[in-house]
Amino acid sequence: MKKSVFYHAGCPVCVSAEHDIINLVGPSNVEIVHLGEDKSKISQAEKAGVKSVPALLTPNGHVLHINFGASLDAVKG
């Protein structure tokens, strides 16, 4: 099974959502990508359709924007 990808930028909203996602789907079913620490993954997130973080990319390619922590433009700096 392909993993979901959870994108976030490390803000309190993102960290809280990260814990909830891990509890919901299990740590082996989700890849965590901290865009604040790994800016090289921002283009990957944009290509997938991520507009803001926190966001969950499902194995089917759907992007679920969760709450609103920051736009990707803000994460880019």
N, C-alpha and C. Protein backbone atom coordinates (compact mmCIF):
# COMPACT_ATOMS: atom_id res chain seq x y z
N MET A 1 0.84 -1.18 0.00
CA MET A 1 0.00 0.00 0.00
C MET A 1 0.88 1.25 0.00
N LYS A 2 0.54 2.18 -0.85
CA LYS A 2 1.26 3.44 -0.92
C LYS A 2 0.90 4.29 0.30
N LYS A 3 1.89 5.02 0.81
CA LYS A 3 1.68 5.84 2.00
C LYS A 3 1.03 7.18 1.66
N SER A 4 0.33 7.74 2.63
CA SER A 4 -0.08 9.14 2.56
C SER A 4 1.14 9.98 2.89
N VAL A 5 1.12 11.25 2.49
CA VAL A 5 2.21 12.16 2.82
C VAL A 5 1.61 13.36 3.55
N PHE A 6 2.11 13.62 4.74
CA PHE A 6 1.65 14.75 5.53
C PHE A 6 2.70 15.85 5.45
N TYR A 7 2.30 16.98 4.86
CA TYR A 7 3.19 18.14 4.73
C TYR A 7 2.88 19.14 5.83
N HIS A 8 3.94 19.66 6.47
CA HIS A 8 3.73 20.71 7.46
C HIS A 8 4.97 21.57 7.57
N ALA A 9 4.86 22.65 8.35
CA ALA A 9 5.97 23.60 8.47
C ALA A 9 6.44 23.78 9.91
N GLY A 10 5.94 22.97 10.81
CA GLY A 10 6.43 22.99 12.19
C GLY A 10 5.71 23.92 13.14
N CYS A 11 4.70 24.64 12.66
CA CYS A 11 3.96 25.53 13.56
C CYS A 11 3.10 24.70 14.52
N PRO A 12 2.60 25.30 15.59
CA PRO A 12 1.78 24.54 16.54
C PRO A 12 0.55 23.88 15.91
N VAL A 13 -0.10 24.54 14.97
CA VAL A 13 -1.25 23.95 14.28
C VAL A 13 -0.80 22.70 13.53
N CYS A 14 0.34 22.80 12.85
CA CYS A 14 0.86 21.67 12.06
C CYS A 14 1.26 20.49 12.95
N VAL A 15 1.95 20.78 14.03
CA VAL A 15 2.42 19.71 14.93
C VAL A 15 1.23 18.99 15.56
N SER A 16 0.22 19.74 15.95
CA SER A 16 -0.98 19.13 16.51
C SER A 16 -1.66 18.23 15.48
N ALA A 17 -1.78 18.73 14.25
CA ALA A 17 -2.39 17.93 13.18
C ALA A 17 -1.55 16.70 12.86
N GLU A 18 -0.22 16.84 12.91
CA GLU A 18 0.66 15.70 12.67
C GLU A 18 0.37 14.58 13.67
N HIS A 19 0.26 14.91 14.93
CA HIS A 19 -0.02 13.90 15.96
C HIS A 19 -1.37 13.23 15.71
N ASP A 20 -2.38 14.03 15.34
CA ASP A 20 -3.69 13.46 15.06
C ASP A 20 -3.67 12.53 13.85
N ILE A 21 -2.98 12.93 12.81
CA ILE A 21 -2.90 12.10 11.59
C ILE A 21 -2.20 10.78 11.91
N ILE A 22 -1.10 10.85 12.62
CA ILE A 22 -0.38 9.62 12.98
C ILE A 22 -1.27 8.70 13.81
N ASN A 23 -2.01 9.27 14.75
CA ASN A 23 -2.92 8.46 15.56
C ASN A 23 -4.05 7.86 14.73
N LEU A 24 -4.51 8.57 13.71
CA LEU A 24 -5.62 8.09 12.88
C LEU A 24 -5.20 7.01 11.89
N VAL A 25 -4.08 7.21 11.20
CA VAL A 25 -3.71 6.28 10.13
C VAL A 25 -2.56 5.36 10.49
N GLY A 26 -1.86 5.67 11.56
CA GLY A 26 -0.72 4.85 11.98
C GLY A 26 0.58 5.34 11.37
N PRO A 27 1.65 5.30 12.15
CA PRO A 27 2.92 5.84 11.68
C PRO A 27 3.50 5.13 10.46
N SER A 28 3.16 3.89 10.25
CA SER A 28 3.70 3.16 9.09
C SER A 28 2.95 3.48 7.80
N ASN A 29 1.84 4.22 7.91
CA ASN A 29 1.03 4.53 6.74
C ASN A 29 1.15 5.97 6.26
N VAL A 30 2.03 6.74 6.91
CA VAL A 30 2.16 8.15 6.53
C VAL A 30 3.63 8.57 6.58
N GLU A 31 4.03 9.31 5.55
CA GLU A 31 5.36 9.92 5.51
C GLU A 31 5.19 11.36 5.97
N ILE A 32 5.99 11.79 6.91
CA ILE A 32 5.92 13.15 7.43
C ILE A 32 6.99 13.99 6.72
N VAL A 33 6.57 15.10 6.12
CA VAL A 33 7.50 16.00 5.44
C VAL A 33 7.39 17.38 6.09
N HIS A 34 8.45 17.78 6.75
CA HIS A 34 8.53 19.10 7.41
C HIS A 34 9.15 20.06 6.41
N LEU A 35 8.31 20.86 5.76
CA LEU A 35 8.78 21.76 4.71
C LEU A 35 9.64 22.90 5.24
N GLY A 36 9.50 23.22 6.52
CA GLY A 36 10.35 24.24 7.11
C GLY A 36 11.79 23.77 7.23
N GLU A 37 11.98 22.47 7.39
CA GLU A 37 13.32 21.89 7.50
C GLU A 37 13.86 21.37 6.18
N ASP A 38 12.96 21.01 5.26
CA ASP A 38 13.38 20.46 3.97
C ASP A 38 12.67 21.21 2.84
N LYS A 39 13.14 22.41 2.56
CA LYS A 39 12.51 23.26 1.55
C LYS A 39 12.61 22.67 0.14
N SER A 40 13.49 21.70 -0.06
CA SER A 40 13.60 21.07 -1.38
C SER A 40 12.33 20.30 -1.75
N LYS A 41 11.50 19.99 -0.77
CA LYS A 41 10.27 19.24 -1.03
C LYS A 41 9.07 20.15 -1.34
N ILE A 42 9.27 21.47 -1.29
CA ILE A 42 8.16 22.40 -1.54
C ILE A 42 7.63 22.23 -2.96
N SER A 43 8.51 22.11 -3.94
CA SER A 43 8.04 21.95 -5.32
C SER A 43 7.26 20.66 -5.50
N GLN A 44 7.68 19.60 -4.81
CA GLN A 44 6.95 18.33 -4.84
C GLN A 44 5.54 18.52 -4.28
N ALA A 45 5.44 19.24 -3.18
CA ALA A 45 4.13 19.51 -2.58
C ALA A 45 3.26 20.34 -3.52
N GLU A 46 3.84 21.37 -4.13
CA GLU A 46 3.08 22.21 -5.06
C GLU A 46 2.56 21.40 -6.25
N LYS A 47 3.41 20.55 -6.80
CA LYS A 47 2.99 19.72 -7.94
C LYS A 47 1.84 18.79 -7.57
N ALA A 48 1.80 18.38 -6.31
CA ALA A 48 0.72 17.50 -5.84
C ALA A 48 -0.57 18.26 -5.59
N GLY A 49 -0.49 19.61 -5.53
CA GLY A 49 -1.69 20.42 -5.32
C GLY A 49 -1.80 21.04 -3.94
N VAL A 50 -0.76 20.93 -3.14
CA VAL A 50 -0.77 21.52 -1.80
C VAL A 50 -0.69 23.03 -1.93
N LYS A 51 -1.62 23.74 -1.28
CA LYS A 51 -1.66 25.20 -1.30
C LYS A 51 -1.26 25.80 0.04
N SER A 52 -1.49 25.03 1.10
CA SER A 52 -1.17 25.49 2.45
C SER A 52 -0.88 24.28 3.31
N VAL A 53 -0.25 24.53 4.44
CA VAL A 53 0.04 23.46 5.38
C VAL A 53 -0.65 23.77 6.70
N PRO A 54 -1.04 22.76 7.43
CA PRO A 54 -0.83 21.33 7.20
C PRO A 54 -1.75 20.78 6.11
N ALA A 55 -1.25 19.78 5.40
CA ALA A 55 -2.02 19.14 4.34
C ALA A 55 -1.62 17.67 4.25
N LEU A 56 -2.59 16.85 3.90
CA LEU A 56 -2.37 15.42 3.75
C LEU A 56 -2.63 15.03 2.30
N LEU A 57 -1.63 14.45 1.66
CA LEU A 57 -1.77 13.91 0.32
C LEU A 57 -2.10 12.43 0.46
N THR A 58 -3.26 12.04 -0.03
CA THR A 58 -3.70 10.65 0.11
C THR A 58 -3.02 9.78 -0.95
N PRO A 59 -3.02 8.47 -0.76
CA PRO A 59 -2.44 7.57 -1.76
C PRO A 59 -3.10 7.71 -3.14
N ASN A 60 -4.35 8.18 -3.17
CA ASN A 60 -5.06 8.37 -4.44
C ASN A 60 -4.74 9.70 -5.10
N GLY A 61 -3.90 10.53 -4.45
CA GLY A 61 -3.52 11.81 -5.03
C GLY A 61 -4.39 12.98 -4.64
N HIS A 62 -5.29 12.79 -3.69
CA HIS A 62 -6.14 13.89 -3.22
C HIS A 62 -5.42 14.65 -2.11
N VAL A 63 -5.54 15.97 -2.15
CA VAL A 63 -4.93 16.79 -1.11
C VAL A 63 -6.02 17.25 -0.15
N LEU A 64 -5.81 16.94 1.12
CA LEU A 64 -6.73 17.36 2.17
C LEU A 64 -6.05 18.46 2.97
N HIS A 65 -6.52 19.69 2.80
CA HIS A 65 -5.96 20.81 3.55
C HIS A 65 -6.62 20.81 4.92
N ILE A 66 -5.81 20.77 5.96
CA ILE A 66 -6.28 20.62 7.33
C ILE A 66 -6.04 21.92 8.07
N ASN A 67 -7.13 22.55 8.51
CA ASN A 67 -7.00 23.82 9.23
C ASN A 67 -6.17 24.76 8.37
N PHE A 68 -5.60 25.79 8.90
CA PHE A 68 -4.72 26.66 8.12
C PHE A 68 -3.59 27.11 9.01
N GLY A 69 -2.40 26.65 8.68
CA GLY A 69 -1.20 27.04 9.41
C GLY A 69 -0.44 28.11 8.65
N ALA A 70 -0.15 27.85 7.37
CA ALA A 70 0.60 28.80 6.55
C ALA A 70 0.44 28.44 5.07
N SER A 71 0.46 29.46 4.23
CA SER A 71 0.47 29.21 2.79
C SER A 71 1.85 28.71 2.38
N LEU A 72 1.94 28.06 1.24
CA LEU A 72 3.24 27.61 0.78
C LEU A 72 4.15 28.81 0.46
N ASP A 73 3.57 29.93 0.03
CA ASP A 73 4.38 31.12 -0.21
C ASP A 73 5.06 31.60 1.07
N ALA A 74 4.36 31.51 2.19
CA ALA A 74 4.95 31.89 3.47
C ALA A 74 6.05 30.92 3.89
N VAL A 75 5.86 29.65 3.59
CA VAL A 75 6.86 28.64 3.93
C VAL A 75 8.13 28.84 3.10
N LYS A 76 7.94 29.25 1.83
CA LYS A 76 9.09 29.50 0.95
C LYS A 76 9.97 30.62 1.51
N GLY A 77 9.32 31.58 2.18
CA GLY A 77 10.06 32.67 2.78
C GLY A 77 10.30 33.78 1.89
